[in-house]
Amino acid sequence: MDVVVGIDVSKDRLDVHVLPSGESFAVANDDESLDGLAARLLSLKADVVALEATGGYEMLAAAALSGAGLAVIVINPAQVRAYANALGKRAKTDPIDAEVIAAFVAATKPAIRPLRDEENRALAALLARRRQILAMIAAEEQRTRMALAKEAQRSIKRLLAALRRELDSLDADIDDHIRTSPLWRVREALLTSVPGVGRVTARTLLAEMPELGSLDRRQVASLAGLAPWTRQSGKWKGKSFIGGGRATVRAVLFMATLVACRHNPVLKAFRDRLVASGKSKIVATVAAMRKLLTILNAIIRDQKAWQNA
């Protein structure tokens, strides 16, 4: 990476820092300014352009710059902040943040993967909205048990009926979205051929992990946050933990693994063997999650549906 560009994103403005030249400037976060920014960065022969994930404000810039042919990466702001603290940079302004982002990428050289396309982002947005509706339904059902007044109960029931209608509508929209892509229909069928993997799990993987099938088992486990972190110093050896990665993927895989460990003979035998050897149930379940993801990755890679032994 000879030329690294860090961009701090806000709703209306982008602060840009270029390494190794140290050049800094700011542009508006709109279509016209992004066209000019892309041309400027192309003229600088930028090897990588890094933006922090900022709740969606970064998506317009990421899409525009990637579409112009630049290598774009969206990074975790917590990692950048930790890097800044390690450097002793306590001050926090937009220009400083842009500089730290560029320095972080230059130092760590993170892997650059293709950004999700518009169809992936649209499906991910629909699935995220579905999760929000489900959370609201669960909250209202809990309030039903707490409400004493009949008027309050009637209000809750009306809202629950509306939320369930909206859930049905969202499911129909997601079905339509999947049907528009022959590739997604094939991949959904491949993923759901595995006992324990339902449509929600398959669709979440399609939207949130488009790299599935193109990575090896270690890379895909790390991407989902299922690779254990070793904790050791001298003679002391602590417990390993998982974390980071794509939390949404990890959440659906956990539920799918619980089902698979009951109905999938391969995963059930694998988990039971770990428990019998002395592993705790949660450790065995996480290991089964990792194995399930490895199986799904291989199925997409080889384009072969699940077959019972």
Protein backbone atom coordinates (compact mmCIF):
# COMPACT_ATOMS: atom_id res chain seq x y z
CA MET A 1 0.00 0.00 0.00
CA ASP A 2 1.95 3.03 -1.25
CA VAL A 3 -0.89 5.57 -1.03
CA VAL A 4 -3.47 5.14 1.74
CA VAL A 5 -6.49 7.41 2.15
CA GLY A 6 -8.43 7.72 5.40
CA ILE A 7 -11.87 9.33 5.37
CA ASP A 8 -13.82 10.39 8.45
CA VAL A 9 -17.51 10.42 7.58
CA SER A 10 -20.28 12.61 8.95
CA LYS A 11 -23.76 13.25 7.61
CA ASP A 12 -22.80 16.32 5.54
CA ARG A 13 -19.01 16.20 5.25
CA LEU A 14 -16.04 13.95 4.51
CA ASP A 15 -12.64 14.72 6.04
CA VAL A 16 -9.85 13.16 3.97
CA HIS A 17 -6.22 12.41 4.88
CA VAL A 18 -3.67 10.98 2.44
CA LEU A 19 -0.55 9.05 3.41
CA PRO A 20 2.39 9.31 2.96
CA SER A 21 2.02 12.86 1.63
CA GLY A 22 0.09 14.07 4.71
CA GLU A 23 -2.35 16.01 2.52
CA SER A 24 -5.67 16.80 4.22
CA PHE A 25 -8.87 18.33 2.89
CA ALA A 26 -12.66 18.12 3.26
CA VAL A 27 -15.54 17.73 0.81
CA ALA A 28 -19.32 17.57 1.10
CA ASN A 29 -20.96 14.19 1.47
CA ASP A 30 -23.10 14.42 -1.69
CA ASP A 31 -23.08 12.93 -5.18
CA GLU A 32 -21.45 15.86 -6.97
CA SER A 33 -18.63 16.23 -4.44
CA LEU A 34 -18.03 12.48 -4.40
CA ASP A 35 -17.49 12.46 -8.18
CA GLY A 36 -14.80 15.11 -7.72
CA LEU A 37 -13.27 13.24 -4.78
CA ALA A 38 -13.10 10.00 -6.79
CA ALA A 39 -11.32 11.76 -9.66
CA ARG A 40 -8.86 13.36 -7.23
CA LEU A 41 -8.06 10.08 -5.49
CA LEU A 42 -7.63 8.31 -8.82
CA SER A 43 -5.14 10.98 -9.86
CA LEU A 44 -3.24 10.34 -6.60
CA LYS A 45 -3.15 6.61 -7.48
CA ALA A 46 -4.66 5.66 -4.12
CA ASP A 47 -4.07 1.98 -3.31
CA VAL A 48 -6.80 1.80 -0.69
CA VAL A 49 -9.49 4.14 0.63
CA ALA A 50 -10.68 3.47 4.19
CA LEU A 51 -13.87 4.73 5.83
CA GLU A 52 -15.27 4.09 9.28
CA ALA A 53 -18.66 2.43 9.65
CA THR A 54 -20.88 5.28 10.88
CA GLY A 55 -24.41 3.95 10.96
CA GLY A 56 -24.98 4.15 7.20
CA TYR A 57 -23.62 7.62 6.42
CA GLU A 58 -20.56 5.95 4.87
CA MET A 59 -22.52 3.91 2.31
CA LEU A 60 -22.97 6.68 -0.28
CA ALA A 61 -19.23 7.46 -0.26
CA ALA A 62 -18.22 3.79 -0.22
CA ALA A 63 -20.48 2.96 -3.17
CA ALA A 64 -19.42 6.02 -5.20
CA LEU A 65 -15.68 5.51 -4.68
CA SER A 66 -15.85 1.76 -5.25
CA GLY A 67 -17.89 2.33 -8.40
CA ALA A 68 -15.14 4.65 -9.66
CA GLY A 69 -12.66 1.79 -9.47
CA LEU A 70 -10.99 2.54 -6.13
CA ALA A 71 -10.25 -0.19 -3.58
CA VAL A 72 -12.55 0.70 -0.67
CA ILE A 73 -12.66 -0.81 2.81
CA VAL A 74 -15.11 -0.04 5.63
CA ILE A 75 -13.46 -0.56 9.02
CA ASN A 76 -14.62 -0.94 12.61
CA PRO A 77 -14.49 2.41 14.48
CA ALA A 78 -13.73 0.66 17.78
CA GLN A 79 -10.51 -0.73 16.31
CA VAL A 80 -9.49 2.71 15.06
CA ARG A 81 -10.18 4.29 18.44
CA ALA A 82 -8.12 1.62 20.19
CA TYR A 83 -5.28 2.27 17.75
CA ALA A 84 -5.50 6.01 18.45
CA ASN A 85 -5.33 5.37 22.19
CA ALA A 86 -2.29 3.15 21.67
CA LEU A 87 -0.61 6.03 19.84
CA GLY A 88 -1.51 8.41 22.67
CA LYS A 89 -3.82 10.50 20.48
CA ARG A 90 -6.46 11.61 22.99
CA ALA A 91 -7.75 14.52 20.95
CA LYS A 92 -10.65 13.67 18.68
CA THR A 93 -11.62 15.88 15.77
CA ASP A 94 -12.74 14.93 12.26
CA PRO A 95 -9.37 15.75 10.60
CA ILE A 96 -7.49 13.86 13.34
CA ASP A 97 -9.83 10.88 12.94
CA ALA A 98 -9.17 10.81 9.18
CA GLU A 99 -5.42 10.80 9.84
CA VAL A 100 -5.73 7.98 12.38
CA ILE A 101 -7.87 5.92 9.99
CA ALA A 102 -5.20 6.21 7.29
CA ALA A 103 -2.42 5.35 9.77
CA PHE A 104 -4.39 2.36 11.10
CA VAL A 105 -4.85 0.89 7.61
CA ALA A 106 -1.22 1.56 6.64
CA ALA A 107 -0.04 -0.22 9.81
CA THR A 108 -2.44 -3.19 9.88
CA LYS A 109 -2.98 -3.75 6.12
CA PRO A 110 -6.45 -5.31 6.51
CA ALA A 111 -7.75 -7.62 3.79
CA ILE A 112 -9.67 -5.77 1.09
CA ARG A 113 -12.83 -7.61 0.04
CA PRO A 114 -15.45 -6.55 -2.52
CA LEU A 115 -18.20 -4.40 -1.03
CA ARG A 116 -21.74 -5.73 -1.02
CA ASP A 117 -23.64 -4.72 -4.13
CA GLU A 118 -26.96 -2.86 -4.12
CA GLU A 119 -29.02 -6.06 -4.12
CA ASN A 120 -27.13 -7.40 -1.08
CA ARG A 121 -27.63 -4.13 0.79
CA ALA A 122 -31.34 -4.06 -0.04
CA LEU A 123 -31.82 -7.65 1.18
CA ALA A 124 -29.81 -6.90 4.33
CA ALA A 125 -32.02 -3.86 5.02
CA LEU A 126 -35.18 -5.95 4.66
CA LEU A 127 -33.83 -8.63 6.99
CA ALA A 128 -32.77 -5.99 9.53
CA ARG A 129 -36.27 -4.51 9.43
CA ARG A 130 -37.71 -8.01 9.94
CA ARG A 131 -35.59 -8.44 13.07
CA GLN A 132 -36.83 -5.06 14.35
CA ILE A 133 -40.47 -6.06 13.81
CA LEU A 134 -39.90 -9.36 15.62
CA ALA A 135 -38.35 -7.49 18.55
CA MET A 136 -41.37 -5.17 18.71
CA ILE A 137 -43.76 -8.15 18.63
CA ALA A 138 -41.86 -9.80 21.49
CA ALA A 139 -41.97 -6.55 23.50
CA GLU A 140 -45.72 -6.11 22.97
CA GLU A 141 -46.39 -9.74 23.89
CA GLN A 142 -44.50 -9.14 27.13
CA ARG A 143 -46.59 -6.03 27.80
CA THR A 144 -49.76 -8.08 27.33
CA ARG A 145 -48.84 -10.06 30.43
CA MET A 146 -48.24 -6.85 32.40
CA ALA A 147 -51.26 -4.80 31.30
CA LEU A 148 -54.20 -4.90 33.71
CA ALA A 149 -56.60 -2.40 32.15
CA LYS A 150 -58.79 -3.77 29.36
CA GLU A 151 -58.25 -0.62 27.30
CA ALA A 152 -54.48 -1.16 27.43
CA GLN A 153 -54.88 -4.81 26.42
CA ARG A 154 -57.05 -3.83 23.45
CA SER A 155 -54.43 -1.29 22.36
CA ILE A 156 -51.68 -3.91 22.56
CA LYS A 157 -53.73 -6.42 20.58
CA ARG A 158 -54.40 -3.87 17.84
CA LEU A 159 -50.70 -3.05 17.60
CA LEU A 160 -49.75 -6.75 17.58
CA ALA A 161 -52.16 -7.39 14.73
CA ALA A 162 -50.63 -4.51 12.76
CA LEU A 163 -47.08 -5.71 13.46
CA ARG A 164 -47.91 -9.25 12.33
CA ARG A 165 -49.44 -7.91 9.12
CA GLU A 166 -46.26 -5.90 8.54
CA LEU A 167 -44.16 -9.02 9.22
CA ASP A 168 -46.14 -10.95 6.59
CA SER A 169 -45.65 -8.07 4.15
CA LEU A 170 -41.90 -8.01 4.80
CA ASP A 171 -41.66 -11.78 4.29
CA ALA A 172 -43.40 -11.35 0.94
CA ASP A 173 -40.98 -8.57 -0.03
CA ILE A 174 -38.01 -10.76 0.91
CA ASP A 175 -39.45 -13.64 -1.13
CA ASP A 176 -39.83 -11.33 -4.13
CA HIS A 177 -36.26 -10.09 -3.66
CA ILE A 178 -34.88 -13.64 -3.64
CA ARG A 179 -36.94 -14.66 -6.69
CA THR A 180 -35.46 -11.83 -8.77
CA SER A 181 -32.00 -13.47 -8.60
CA PRO A 182 -31.53 -16.97 -10.07
CA LEU A 183 -28.17 -17.20 -8.27
CA TRP A 184 -29.77 -16.45 -4.90
CA ARG A 185 -32.53 -19.01 -5.50
CA VAL A 186 -29.92 -21.69 -6.19
CA ARG A 187 -27.81 -20.70 -3.18
CA GLU A 188 -30.85 -20.58 -0.87
CA ALA A 189 -31.81 -24.09 -1.97
CA LEU A 190 -28.25 -25.32 -1.36
CA LEU A 191 -28.06 -23.79 2.12
CA THR A 192 -31.49 -24.98 3.24
CA SER A 193 -30.66 -28.54 2.13
CA VAL A 194 -28.64 -28.80 5.37
CA PRO A 195 -30.85 -30.07 8.23
CA GLY A 196 -31.24 -27.26 10.74
CA VAL A 197 -30.77 -24.39 8.28
CA GLY A 198 -34.01 -22.55 7.50
CA ARG A 199 -34.86 -19.75 5.11
CA VAL A 200 -34.06 -16.94 7.57
CA THR A 201 -30.57 -18.33 8.22
CA ALA A 202 -29.94 -18.88 4.52
CA ARG A 203 -31.13 -15.41 3.54
CA THR A 204 -29.12 -13.75 6.30
CA LEU A 205 -25.99 -15.49 5.02
CA LEU A 206 -26.77 -14.42 1.45
CA ALA A 207 -27.15 -10.79 2.52
CA GLU A 208 -24.54 -10.47 5.26
CA MET A 209 -21.84 -12.87 4.04
CA PRO A 210 -21.58 -12.70 0.23
CA GLU A 211 -18.01 -14.02 0.57
CA LEU A 212 -19.38 -17.47 1.50
CA GLY A 213 -17.85 -20.10 -0.76
CA SER A 214 -14.82 -18.01 -1.72
CA LEU A 215 -12.87 -18.30 1.59
CA ASP A 216 -11.18 -21.18 3.38
CA ARG A 217 -12.58 -22.52 6.66
CA ARG A 218 -10.34 -20.38 8.86
CA GLN A 219 -11.12 -17.18 6.99
CA VAL A 220 -14.86 -17.74 7.02
CA ALA A 221 -14.82 -18.54 10.76
CA SER A 222 -12.86 -15.35 11.46
CA LEU A 223 -15.24 -13.29 9.32
CA ALA A 224 -18.21 -14.51 11.35
CA GLY A 225 -16.40 -13.98 14.67
CA LEU A 226 -16.26 -17.72 15.40
CA ALA A 227 -12.47 -18.10 15.45
CA PRO A 228 -11.32 -18.52 19.08
CA TRP A 229 -8.88 -15.96 20.51
CA THR A 230 -5.99 -17.56 22.36
CA ARG A 231 -5.11 -15.93 25.71
CA GLN A 232 -1.68 -16.98 26.99
CA SER A 233 1.24 -15.34 28.77
CA GLY A 234 4.24 -17.29 30.02
CA LYS A 235 3.02 -20.32 31.94
CA TRP A 236 -0.46 -18.85 32.30
CA LYS A 237 -3.05 -19.99 29.80
CA GLY A 238 -6.55 -18.52 29.92
CA LYS A 239 -9.74 -19.56 28.25
CA SER A 240 -10.20 -18.80 24.57
CA PHE A 241 -13.12 -16.62 23.50
CA ILE A 242 -14.90 -15.78 20.28
CA GLY A 243 -16.07 -12.31 19.28
CA GLY A 244 -15.92 -9.56 16.71
CA GLY A 245 -16.85 -10.41 13.16
CA ARG A 246 -20.43 -10.21 11.91
CA ALA A 247 -22.73 -10.44 14.91
CA THR A 248 -25.90 -10.87 12.84
CA VAL A 249 -24.44 -13.92 11.10
CA ARG A 250 -23.29 -15.34 14.44
CA ALA A 251 -26.76 -14.89 15.96
CA VAL A 252 -28.61 -16.79 13.21
CA LEU A 253 -25.95 -19.51 13.18
CA PHE A 254 -26.42 -20.03 16.92
CA MET A 255 -30.15 -20.68 16.51
CA ALA A 256 -29.57 -22.86 13.45
CA THR A 257 -26.95 -24.89 15.33
CA LEU A 258 -29.34 -25.55 18.24
CA VAL A 259 -31.81 -27.03 15.76
CA ALA A 260 -29.12 -28.85 13.79
CA CYS A 261 -27.71 -30.48 16.93
CA ARG A 262 -31.10 -32.16 17.34
CA HIS A 263 -31.94 -33.03 13.73
CA ASN A 264 -28.64 -33.12 11.82
CA PRO A 265 -26.89 -36.47 12.49
CA VAL A 266 -23.40 -35.15 11.67
CA LEU A 267 -23.57 -32.09 13.93
CA LYS A 268 -25.41 -33.98 16.68
CA ALA A 269 -22.68 -36.66 16.78
CA PHE A 270 -19.97 -33.97 16.68
CA ARG A 271 -21.46 -31.99 19.59
CA ASP A 272 -22.21 -35.11 21.66
CA ARG A 273 -18.64 -36.31 21.19
CA LEU A 274 -17.27 -33.00 22.51
CA VAL A 275 -19.60 -33.03 25.52
CA ALA A 276 -18.65 -36.65 26.27
CA SER A 277 -14.97 -35.67 26.20
CA GLY A 278 -15.56 -33.09 28.96
CA LYS A 279 -16.26 -29.90 27.02
CA SER A 280 -18.99 -27.66 28.38
CA LYS A 281 -22.24 -27.53 26.41
CA ILE A 282 -21.70 -23.93 25.30
CA VAL A 283 -18.15 -24.67 24.10
CA ALA A 284 -19.44 -27.70 22.20
CA THR A 285 -22.23 -25.61 20.68
CA VAL A 286 -19.80 -22.90 19.50
CA ALA A 287 -17.59 -25.59 17.95
CA ALA A 288 -20.69 -26.97 16.20
CA MET A 289 -21.48 -23.46 14.93
CA ARG A 290 -18.01 -23.29 13.43
CA LYS A 291 -18.45 -26.72 11.84
CA LEU A 292 -21.87 -25.78 10.44
CA LEU A 293 -20.45 -22.62 8.88
CA THR A 294 -17.60 -24.66 7.38
CA ILE A 295 -20.12 -27.09 5.89
CA LEU A 296 -22.20 -24.24 4.42
CA ASN A 297 -19.07 -22.62 2.99
CA ALA A 298 -18.09 -25.90 1.30
CA ILE A 299 -21.60 -26.43 -0.06
CA ILE A 300 -21.62 -23.02 -1.75
CA ARG A 301 -18.04 -23.50 -2.98
CA ASP A 302 -18.72 -26.94 -4.49
CA GLN A 303 -22.36 -26.21 -5.51
CA LYS A 304 -23.44 -29.56 -4.04
CA ALA A 305 -26.45 -29.94 -1.78
CA TRP A 306 -26.31 -31.73 1.57
CA GLN A 307 -26.33 -35.51 1.40
CA ASN A 308 -26.92 -37.73 4.41
CA ALA A 309 -24.16 -40.28 4.91
